[in-house]
C-alpha atoms as a PDB file:
ATOM      1  CA  MET A   1      -0.008  -0.024  -0.017  1.00  0.00           C
ATOM      2  CA  ILE A   2       1.244   3.473  -0.881  1.00  0.00           C
ATOM      3  CA  LEU A   3      -0.102   6.693   0.704  1.00  0.00           C
ATOM      4  CA  PHE A   4       0.006  10.217  -0.611  1.00  0.00           C
ATOM      5  CA  ALA A   5      -0.716  13.390   1.313  1.00  0.00           C
ATOM      6  CA  SER A   6      -0.072  17.107   0.687  1.00  0.00           C
ATOM      7  CA  ASP A   7      -1.060  20.601   1.770  1.00  0.00           C
ATOM      8  CA  LEU A   8      -0.970  19.901   5.495  1.00  0.00           C
ATOM      9  CA  HIS A   9       0.157  23.515   6.125  1.00  0.00           C
ATOM     10  CA  LEU A  10       1.499  22.537   9.587  1.00  0.00           C
ATOM     11  CA  SER A  11       2.078  25.313  12.060  1.00  0.00           C
ATOM     12  CA  PRO A  12       1.774  25.797  15.781  1.00  0.00           C
ATOM     13  CA  GLU A  13      -1.456  27.657  15.165  1.00  0.00           C
ATOM     14  CA  ARG A  14      -2.980  24.561  13.589  1.00  0.00           C
ATOM     15  CA  SER A  15      -2.738  22.165  16.464  1.00  0.00           C
ATOM     16  CA  ALA A  16      -5.416  19.736  15.279  1.00  0.00           C
ATOM     17  CA  SER A  17      -3.714  19.231  11.958  1.00  0.00           C
ATOM     18  CA  ALA A  18      -0.377  18.705  13.712  1.00  0.00           C
ATOM     19  CA  ARG A  19      -1.985  16.065  15.990  1.00  0.00           C
ATOM     20  CA  ALA A  20      -3.656  14.406  13.031  1.00  0.00           C
ATOM     21  CA  PHE A  21      -0.362  14.173  11.154  1.00  0.00           C
ATOM     22  CA  LEU A  22       1.446  12.606  14.087  1.00  0.00           C
ATOM     23  CA  ASP A  23      -1.469  10.135  14.470  1.00  0.00           C
ATOM     24  CA  PHE A  24      -1.252   9.451  10.763  1.00  0.00           C
ATOM     25  CA  LEU A  25       2.504   8.745  10.994  1.00  0.00           C
ATOM     26  CA  ALA A  26       1.995   6.410  13.963  1.00  0.00           C
ATOM     27  CA  GLY A  27      -1.120   4.785  12.572  1.00  0.00           C
ATOM     28  CA  PRO A  28      -2.156   4.355   8.938  1.00  0.00           C
ATOM     29  CA  ALA A  29       1.324   5.197   7.602  1.00  0.00           C
ATOM     30  CA  ARG A  30       2.840   2.226   9.491  1.00  0.00           C
ATOM     31  CA  GLN A  31       0.761  -0.132   7.275  1.00  0.00           C
ATOM     32  CA  ALA A  32       2.212   1.311   4.085  1.00  0.00           C
ATOM     33  CA  THR A  33       5.297   0.391   2.136  1.00  0.00           C
ATOM     34  CA  GLU A  34       5.759   3.965   1.003  1.00  0.00           C
ATOM     35  CA  VAL A  35       4.440   7.420   2.027  1.00  0.00           C
ATOM     36  CA  PHE A  36       4.664  10.425  -0.294  1.00  0.00           C
ATOM     37  CA  LEU A  37       4.323  13.920   1.110  1.00  0.00           C
ATOM     38  CA  LEU A  38       3.791  16.174  -1.899  1.00  0.00           C
ATOM     39  CA  GLY A  39       4.559  19.644  -0.626  1.00  0.00           C
ATOM     40  CA  ASP A  40       3.264  22.298   1.649  1.00  0.00           C
ATOM     41  CA  VAL A  41       3.674  19.988   4.571  1.00  0.00           C
ATOM     42  CA  PHE A  42       4.633  23.073   6.491  1.00  0.00           C
ATOM     43  CA  ASP A  43       2.776  26.363   6.208  1.00  0.00           C
ATOM     44  CA  VAL A  44       6.094  28.254   6.396  1.00  0.00           C
ATOM     45  CA  TRP A  45       9.707  27.076   6.026  1.00  0.00           C
ATOM     46  CA  ALA A  46      12.376  29.688   6.514  1.00  0.00           C
ATOM     47  CA  GLY A  47      15.357  27.409   6.349  1.00  0.00           C
ATOM     48  CA  ASP A  48      16.830  24.220   7.844  1.00  0.00           C
ATOM     49  CA  ASP A  49      18.537  26.263  10.601  1.00  0.00           C
ATOM     50  CA  ASP A  50      15.068  26.368  12.254  1.00  0.00           C
ATOM     51  CA  LEU A  51      15.232  22.668  13.110  1.00  0.00           C
ATOM     52  CA  ALA A  52      15.667  23.472  16.796  1.00  0.00           C
ATOM     53  CA  ASP A  53      12.204  24.970  16.947  1.00  0.00           C
ATOM     54  CA  PRO A  54      10.166  22.712  19.346  1.00  0.00           C
ATOM     55  CA  PHE A  55       7.179  22.468  17.037  1.00  0.00           C
ATOM     56  CA  ILE A  56       9.287  21.523  14.013  1.00  0.00           C
ATOM     57  CA  ALA A  57      11.296  19.108  16.106  1.00  0.00           C
ATOM     58  CA  GLY A  58       8.141  17.288  17.167  1.00  0.00           C
ATOM     59  CA  ILE A  59       7.086  16.885  13.561  1.00  0.00           C
ATOM     60  CA  TYR A  60      10.322  15.540  12.199  1.00  0.00           C
ATOM     61  CA  ALA A  61      10.692  13.173  15.178  1.00  0.00           C
ATOM     62  CA  GLY A  62       7.394  11.612  14.158  1.00  0.00           C
ATOM     63  CA  MET A  63       8.582  11.328  10.584  1.00  0.00           C
ATOM     64  CA  LYS A  64      11.910   9.829  11.676  1.00  0.00           C
ATOM     65  CA  ALA A  65      10.110   7.145  13.717  1.00  0.00           C
ATOM     66  CA  LEU A  66       8.028   6.189  10.661  1.00  0.00           C
ATOM     67  CA  ALA A  67      11.125   5.916   8.473  1.00  0.00           C
ATOM     68  CA  GLU A  68      12.971   3.871  11.147  1.00  0.00           C
ATOM     69  CA  SER A  69      10.025   1.469  11.166  1.00  0.00           C
ATOM     70  CA  GLY A  70      10.874   0.443   7.602  1.00  0.00           C
ATOM     71  CA  VAL A  71       8.468   2.638   5.640  1.00  0.00           C
ATOM     72  CA  SER A  72      10.002   4.574   2.793  1.00  0.00           C
ATOM     73  CA  LEU A  73       9.163   8.249   3.363  1.00  0.00           C
ATOM     74  CA  HIS A  74       9.396  10.689   0.463  1.00  0.00           C
ATOM     75  CA  PHE A  75       9.195  14.533   0.629  1.00  0.00           C
ATOM     76  CA  GLN A  76       8.469  16.750  -2.334  1.00  0.00           C
ATOM     77  CA  ARG A  77       8.807  20.490  -1.816  1.00  0.00           C
ATOM     78  CA  GLY A  78       5.771  22.762  -2.345  1.00  0.00           C
ATOM     79  CA  ASN A  79       5.319  26.486  -2.694  1.00  0.00           C
ATOM     80  CA  ARG A  80       5.272  26.921   1.089  1.00  0.00           C
ATOM     81  CA  ASP A  81       8.235  24.691   2.017  1.00  0.00           C
ATOM     82  CA  PHE A  82      10.451  24.912  -1.107  1.00  0.00           C
ATOM     83  CA  LEU A  83      13.421  25.802   1.154  1.00  0.00           C
ATOM     84  CA  VAL A  84      13.418  22.397   2.849  1.00  0.00           C
ATOM     85  CA  GLY A  85      16.919  20.963   2.502  1.00  0.00           C
ATOM     86  CA  ASP A  86      19.250  18.162   3.319  1.00  0.00           C
ATOM     87  CA  ALA A  87      19.461  18.867   6.997  1.00  0.00           C
ATOM     88  CA  PHE A  88      15.699  18.421   7.368  1.00  0.00           C
ATOM     89  CA  ALA A  89      15.891  15.260   5.222  1.00  0.00           C
ATOM     90  CA  ALA A  90      18.512  13.758   7.526  1.00  0.00           C
ATOM     91  CA  ALA A  91      16.625  14.721  10.717  1.00  0.00           C
ATOM     92  CA  SER A  92      13.259  13.332   9.446  1.00  0.00           C
ATOM     93  CA  GLY A  93      14.506  10.220   7.651  1.00  0.00           C
ATOM     94  CA  CYS A  94      12.920  11.211   4.343  1.00  0.00           C
ATOM     95  CA  ASP A  95      14.316  11.462   0.909  1.00  0.00           C
ATOM     96  CA  LEU A  96      13.841  14.686  -1.007  1.00  0.00           C
ATOM     97  CA  LEU A  97      12.178  14.327  -4.399  1.00  0.00           C
ATOM     98  CA  GLY A  98      12.565  16.487  -7.500  1.00  0.00           C
ATOM     99  CA  ASN A  99       9.746  18.702  -8.821  1.00  0.00           C
ATOM    100  CA  GLU A 100       8.461  15.869 -11.029  1.00  0.00           C
ATOM    101  CA  VAL A 101       8.728  12.126 -10.280  1.00  0.00           C
ATOM    102  CA  LEU A 102       7.841   9.325 -12.624  1.00  0.00           C
ATOM    103  CA  ARG A 103       6.787   5.997 -11.122  1.00  0.00           C
ATOM    104  CA  THR A 104       4.938   2.929 -12.291  1.00  0.00           C
ATOM    105  CA  ILE A 105       2.301   2.309  -9.634  1.00  0.00           C
ATOM    106  CA  ALA A 106      -0.020  -0.772  -9.939  1.00  0.00           C
ATOM    107  CA  GLY A 107       1.269  -1.151 -13.479  1.00  0.00           C
ATOM    108  CA  VAL A 108       0.331   2.407 -14.505  1.00  0.00           C
ATOM    109  CA  PRO A 109       2.960   5.030 -15.463  1.00  0.00           C
ATOM    110  CA  THR A 110       2.314   7.873 -13.020  1.00  0.00           C
ATOM    111  CA  LEU A 111       3.529  11.478 -12.719  1.00  0.00           C
ATOM    112  CA  ILE A 112       3.857  12.716  -9.104  1.00  0.00           C
ATOM    113  CA  LEU A 113       4.203  16.437  -8.404  1.00  0.00           C
ATOM    114  CA  HIS A 114       3.078  19.177  -6.000  1.00  0.00           C
ATOM    115  CA  GLY A 115       0.810  20.689  -8.636  1.00  0.00           C
ATOM    116  CA  ASP A 116       1.611  24.396  -8.712  1.00  0.00           C
ATOM    117  CA  THR A 117       3.365  24.183 -12.092  1.00  0.00           C
ATOM    118  CA  LEU A 118       0.011  22.949 -13.614  1.00  0.00           C
ATOM    119  CA  CYS A 119      -1.624  26.271 -12.620  1.00  0.00           C
ATOM    120  CA  SER A 120       0.014  28.024 -15.602  1.00  0.00           C
ATOM    121  CA  ASP A 121      -2.802  30.576 -16.043  1.00  0.00           C
ATOM    122  CA  ASP A 122      -1.654  32.320 -12.856  1.00  0.00           C
ATOM    123  CA  THR A 123       1.218  34.050 -14.576  1.00  0.00           C
ATOM    124  CA  ARG A 124       2.084  36.264 -11.614  1.00  0.00           C
ATOM    125  CA  TYR A 125       2.575  33.251  -9.389  1.00  0.00           C
ATOM    126  CA  GLN A 126       4.618  31.390 -12.017  1.00  0.00           C
ATOM    127  CA  ALA A 127       6.981  34.412 -12.348  1.00  0.00           C
ATOM    128  CA  PHE A 128       7.371  34.486  -8.521  1.00  0.00           C
ATOM    129  CA  ARG A 129       7.972  30.750  -8.459  1.00  0.00           C
ATOM    130  CA  SER A 130      10.781  31.008 -10.991  1.00  0.00           C
ATOM    131  CA  GLN A 131      12.412  33.782  -8.984  1.00  0.00           C
ATOM    132  CA  VAL A 132      12.428  32.050  -5.590  1.00  0.00           C
ATOM    133  CA  ARG A 133      13.447  28.676  -7.032  1.00  0.00           C
ATOM    134  CA  SER A 134      16.657  30.138  -8.484  1.00  0.00           C
ATOM    135  CA  PRO A 135      19.885  29.157  -6.671  1.00  0.00           C
ATOM    136  CA  ALA A 136      21.036  32.829  -6.498  1.00  0.00           C
ATOM    137  CA  TRP A 137      17.795  34.005  -4.837  1.00  0.00           C
ATOM    138  CA  GLN A 138      17.871  31.170  -2.348  1.00  0.00           C
ATOM    139  CA  ALA A 139      21.530  31.706  -1.497  1.00  0.00           C
ATOM    140  CA  ASP A 140      20.901  35.382  -0.828  1.00  0.00           C
ATOM    141  CA  PHE A 141      17.766  34.731   1.224  1.00  0.00           C
ATOM    142  CA  LEU A 142      19.247  31.895   3.318  1.00  0.00           C
ATOM    143  CA  GLY A 143      22.298  34.091   4.049  1.00  0.00           C
ATOM    144  CA  ARG A 144      20.116  36.505   6.078  1.00  0.00           C
ATOM    145  CA  PRO A 145      19.387  36.077   9.805  1.00  0.00           C
ATOM    146  CA  LEU A 146      16.573  33.645  10.575  1.00  0.00           C
ATOM    147  CA  THR A 147      14.455  36.352  12.271  1.00  0.00           C
ATOM    148  CA  GLU A 148      14.736  38.562   9.215  1.00  0.00           C
ATOM    149  CA  ARG A 149      13.734  35.756   6.951  1.00  0.00           C
ATOM    150  CA  LYS A 150      10.639  34.967   9.066  1.00  0.00           C
ATOM    151  CA  ALA A 151       9.604  38.615   9.018  1.00  0.00           C
ATOM    152  CA  GLN A 152      10.032  38.805   5.264  1.00  0.00           C
ATOM    153  CA  ILE A 153       7.963  35.634   4.747  1.00  0.00           C
ATOM    154  CA  ALA A 154       5.179  37.018   7.019  1.00  0.00           C
ATOM    155  CA  ALA A 155       5.056  40.225   5.031  1.00  0.00           C
ATOM    156  CA  LEU A 156       5.009  38.364   1.728  1.00  0.00           C
ATOM    157  CA  ARG A 157       2.258  36.048   2.939  1.00  0.00           C
ATOM    158  CA  GLU A 158       0.085  39.011   3.820  1.00  0.00           C
ATOM    159  CA  LYS A 159       0.633  40.522   0.375  1.00  0.00           C
ATOM    160  CA  ASN A 160      -0.128  37.260  -1.321  1.00  0.00           C
ATOM    161  CA  ARG A 161      -3.325  36.844   0.710  1.00  0.00           C
ATOM    162  CA  GLU A 162      -4.588  40.198  -0.403  1.00  0.00           C
ATOM    163  CA  GLU A 163      -3.704  39.419  -4.079  1.00  0.00           C
ATOM    164  CA  LYS A 164      -5.375  36.055  -3.864  1.00  0.00           C
ATOM    165  CA  GLU A 165      -8.670  37.542  -2.774  1.00  0.00           C
ATOM    166  CA  MET A 166      -8.753  39.522  -6.006  1.00  0.00           C
ATOM    167  CA  LYS A 167      -7.893  36.613  -8.298  1.00  0.00           C
ATOM    168  CA  VAL A 168     -10.466  34.778 -10.303  1.00  0.00           C
ATOM    169  CA  ALA A 169     -10.895  31.283  -8.843  1.00  0.00           C
ATOM    170  CA  ALA A 170     -10.270  29.580 -12.223  1.00  0.00           C
ATOM    171  CA  ILE A 171      -6.803  31.079 -12.489  1.00  0.00           C
ATOM    172  CA  MET A 172      -5.753  29.319  -9.289  1.00  0.00           C
ATOM    173  CA  ASP A 173      -6.823  25.954 -10.661  1.00  0.00           C
ATOM    174  CA  VAL A 174      -4.886  23.783 -13.117  1.00  0.00           C
ATOM    175  CA  SER A 175      -4.794  24.659 -16.813  1.00  0.00           C
ATOM    176  CA  ALA A 176      -6.472  21.941 -18.857  1.00  0.00           C
ATOM    177  CA  ALA A 177      -3.959  22.502 -21.635  1.00  0.00           C
ATOM    178  CA  THR A 178      -0.984  22.214 -19.284  1.00  0.00           C
ATOM    179  CA  VAL A 179      -2.368  19.020 -17.746  1.00  0.00           C
ATOM    180  CA  ALA A 180      -2.860  17.499 -21.207  1.00  0.00           C
ATOM    181  CA  ALA A 181       0.638  18.504 -22.149  1.00  0.00           C
ATOM    182  CA  ALA A 182       2.039  16.867 -18.991  1.00  0.00           C
ATOM    183  CA  PHE A 183       0.310  13.577 -19.861  1.00  0.00           C
ATOM    184  CA  ARG A 184       1.633  13.701 -23.374  1.00  0.00           C
ATOM    185  CA  HIS A 185       5.178  14.824 -22.475  1.00  0.00           C
ATOM    186  CA  HIS A 186       5.743  12.193 -19.795  1.00  0.00           C
ATOM    187  CA  GLY A 187       3.743   9.442 -21.480  1.00  0.00           C
ATOM    188  CA  VAL A 188       1.787   8.695 -18.310  1.00  0.00           C
ATOM    189  CA  SER A 189      -1.788   7.672 -17.690  1.00  0.00           C
ATOM    190  CA  ARG A 190      -2.057   8.992 -14.168  1.00  0.00           C
ATOM    191  CA  ILE A 191      -1.128  12.224 -12.377  1.00  0.00           C
ATOM    192  CA  ILE A 192      -1.134  12.720  -8.624  1.00  0.00           C
ATOM    193  CA  HIS A 193      -0.841  16.189  -7.176  1.00  0.00           C
ATOM    194  CA  GLY A 194      -1.971  18.607  -4.504  1.00  0.00           C
ATOM    195  CA  HIS A 195      -1.775  22.415  -4.317  1.00  0.00           C
ATOM    196  CA  THR A 196      -5.241  23.378  -5.578  1.00  0.00           C
ATOM    197  CA  HIS A 197      -7.168  22.143  -2.514  1.00  0.00           C
ATOM    198  CA  ARG A 198      -9.790  20.634  -4.808  1.00  0.00           C
ATOM    199  CA  PRO A 199      -9.735  16.895  -3.957  1.00  0.00           C
ATOM    200  CA  ALA A 200     -11.162  14.675  -6.729  1.00  0.00           C
ATOM    201  CA  CYS A 201     -10.411  11.952  -9.236  1.00  0.00           C
ATOM    202  CA  HIS A 202     -10.717  13.347 -12.746  1.00  0.00           C
ATOM    203  CA  GLU A 203     -11.250  10.861 -15.565  1.00  0.00           C
ATOM    204  CA  LEU A 204      -9.718  12.164 -18.818  1.00  0.00           C
ATOM    205  CA  SER A 205      -9.168  11.067 -22.349  1.00  0.00           C
ATOM    206  CA  ILE A 206      -5.766  12.139 -23.754  1.00  0.00           C
ATOM    207  CA  ASP A 207      -5.292  11.271 -27.418  1.00  0.00           C
ATOM    208  CA  GLY A 208      -7.623   8.359 -27.012  1.00  0.00           C
ATOM    209  CA  ARG A 209      -5.984   7.096 -23.800  1.00  0.00           C
ATOM    210  CA  SER A 210      -7.959   6.743 -20.552  1.00  0.00           C
ATOM    211  CA  CYS A 211      -6.227   8.826 -17.911  1.00  0.00           C
ATOM    212  CA  GLN A 212      -6.742   9.847 -14.310  1.00  0.00           C
ATOM    213  CA  ARG A 213      -5.812  12.969 -12.385  1.00  0.00           C
ATOM    214  CA  TRP A 214      -5.940  12.526  -8.600  1.00  0.00           C
ATOM    215  CA  VAL A 215      -6.049  15.730  -6.567  1.00  0.00           C
ATOM    216  CA  LEU A 216      -5.191  15.447  -2.820  1.00  0.00           C
ATOM    217  CA  PRO A 217      -7.127  17.214  -0.070  1.00  0.00           C
ATOM    218  CA  GLU A 218      -5.954  20.150   2.047  1.00  0.00           C
ATOM    219  CA  TRP A 219      -5.665  19.706   5.821  1.00  0.00           C
ATOM    220  CA  ALA A 220      -7.187  22.376   8.031  1.00  0.00           C
ATOM    221  CA  ASP A 221      -8.463  22.893  11.658  1.00  0.00           C
ATOM    222  CA  ASP A 222     -12.192  23.346  11.839  1.00  0.00           C
ATOM    223  CA  GLU A 223     -14.125  25.383  14.367  1.00  0.00           C
ATOM    224  CA  SER A 224     -14.681  22.254  16.572  1.00  0.00           C
ATOM    225  CA  GLY A 225     -10.914  21.728  16.971  1.00  0.00           C
ATOM    226  CA  ASN A 226     -10.747  18.781  14.616  1.00  0.00           C
ATOM    227  CA  CYS A 227      -8.573  18.300  11.522  1.00  0.00           C
ATOM    228  CA  VAL A 228     -10.459  18.182   8.210  1.00  0.00           C
ATOM    229  CA  GLY A 229      -8.368  16.588   5.439  1.00  0.00           C
ATOM    230  CA  GLY A 230      -7.276  13.256   4.157  1.00  0.00           C
ATOM    231  CA  TYR A 231      -4.941  11.311   1.946  1.00  0.00           C
ATOM    232  CA  LEU A 232      -4.886   9.063  -1.077  1.00  0.00           C
ATOM    233  CA  ARG A 233      -4.651   5.376  -0.343  1.00  0.00           C
ATOM    234  CA  CYS A 234      -3.333   3.230  -3.157  1.00  0.00           C
ATOM    235  CA  GLN A 235      -3.622  -0.524  -3.364  1.00  0.00           C
ATOM    236  CA  PRO A 236      -3.511  -2.535  -6.639  1.00  0.00           C
ATOM    237  CA  GLN A 237      -7.322  -2.704  -7.025  1.00  0.00           C
ATOM    238  CA  ASP A 238      -8.371  -0.090  -4.522  1.00  0.00           C
ATOM    239  CA  TRP A 239      -7.618   3.635  -4.962  1.00  0.00           C
ATOM    240  CA  ARG A 240      -9.532   5.967  -2.734  1.00  0.00           C
ATOM    241  CA  LEU A 241      -9.350   9.308  -0.991  1.00  0.00           C
ATOM    242  CA  GLN A 242      -9.442   8.583   2.718  1.00  0.00           C
ATOM    243  CA  ARG A 243     -11.080  11.535   4.479  1.00  0.00           C
ATOM    244  CA  PHE A 244     -11.196  12.556   8.114  1.00  0.00           C
ATOM    245  CA  PRO A 245     -13.111  13.041  10.284  1.00  0.00           C
ATOM    246  CA  GLU A 246     -14.819   9.873   9.058  1.00  0.00           C
ATOM    247  CA  GLY A 247     -17.806  10.603   6.864  1.00  0.00           C
ATOM    248  CA  SER A 248     -16.669  14.119   5.860  1.00  0.00           C
END
C-alpha cells in the first residue's frame, strides 16, 4: 500500500492538523510500504537552521520514527516549503524528491508532483515561483538572519493573501492544456498532485488514452478543533481518497 498526502500547512497555530499528522504517521502510515508527502507539509519554512524549533522538532521526530520502522518516506517540496533541505531530510529520515517524479504504480505510469506548475494561467505566481526557485535568490535569502527571513515571509504572505482575494478562482486551478501537455510529455496515464485544494479523481481522455488525475485534499483545523483533510490510499485494485473526520 502506498499513501499520498499534501497541503498539511502545519504550524503551531494549527494544532489539530499537527496532532492528526502525528497520528497518521503512527497509525495508517505504518501499514504502508511507502508514504509520499507532496509539498506544503509546512505552512512556512524559513530554512533548515530552524530545526531546533520545538514544534518543528516534534514533527520531524514523528517522521523519523516512521522511516525507522521500515516505511520509505518521500518529501516533495511545495510552494510553502520549497526551502526544505538536506538537514531536514536527515533529521526526518525522508528522501527529497525532485519537482516531477515518474513512477509505475500498480502497473500504471504515473507522474507525481506538487501541482503548482500545472496552474499556468496564474502568470504572476509562475513568475514569482521562477524567482524564488533560483539558486541565486535562495543563497541570498538563506544568508540572512533567521528572524529577518521569518519577518520577510510574513510580510510576503500577507501581500499574497490580499492578491489572492482579487484573483479569479479559475486562475488558481490547473490549466487543462497544461495538464494534457504533461500527460503527453511524460507518457503517463495517471497524475497525482495537491496544491489546488480541490480533491477529486478526474477521468480524462488524452489522445484516445484513458487517464486519471488525482487531486489530494488540504488539511485544516475546523471550528470544533478537529482536523479536516485526508490522503490518497493506493492498493492494486483499490484507490480511494481517505477523508477525516470519518464521513466528511
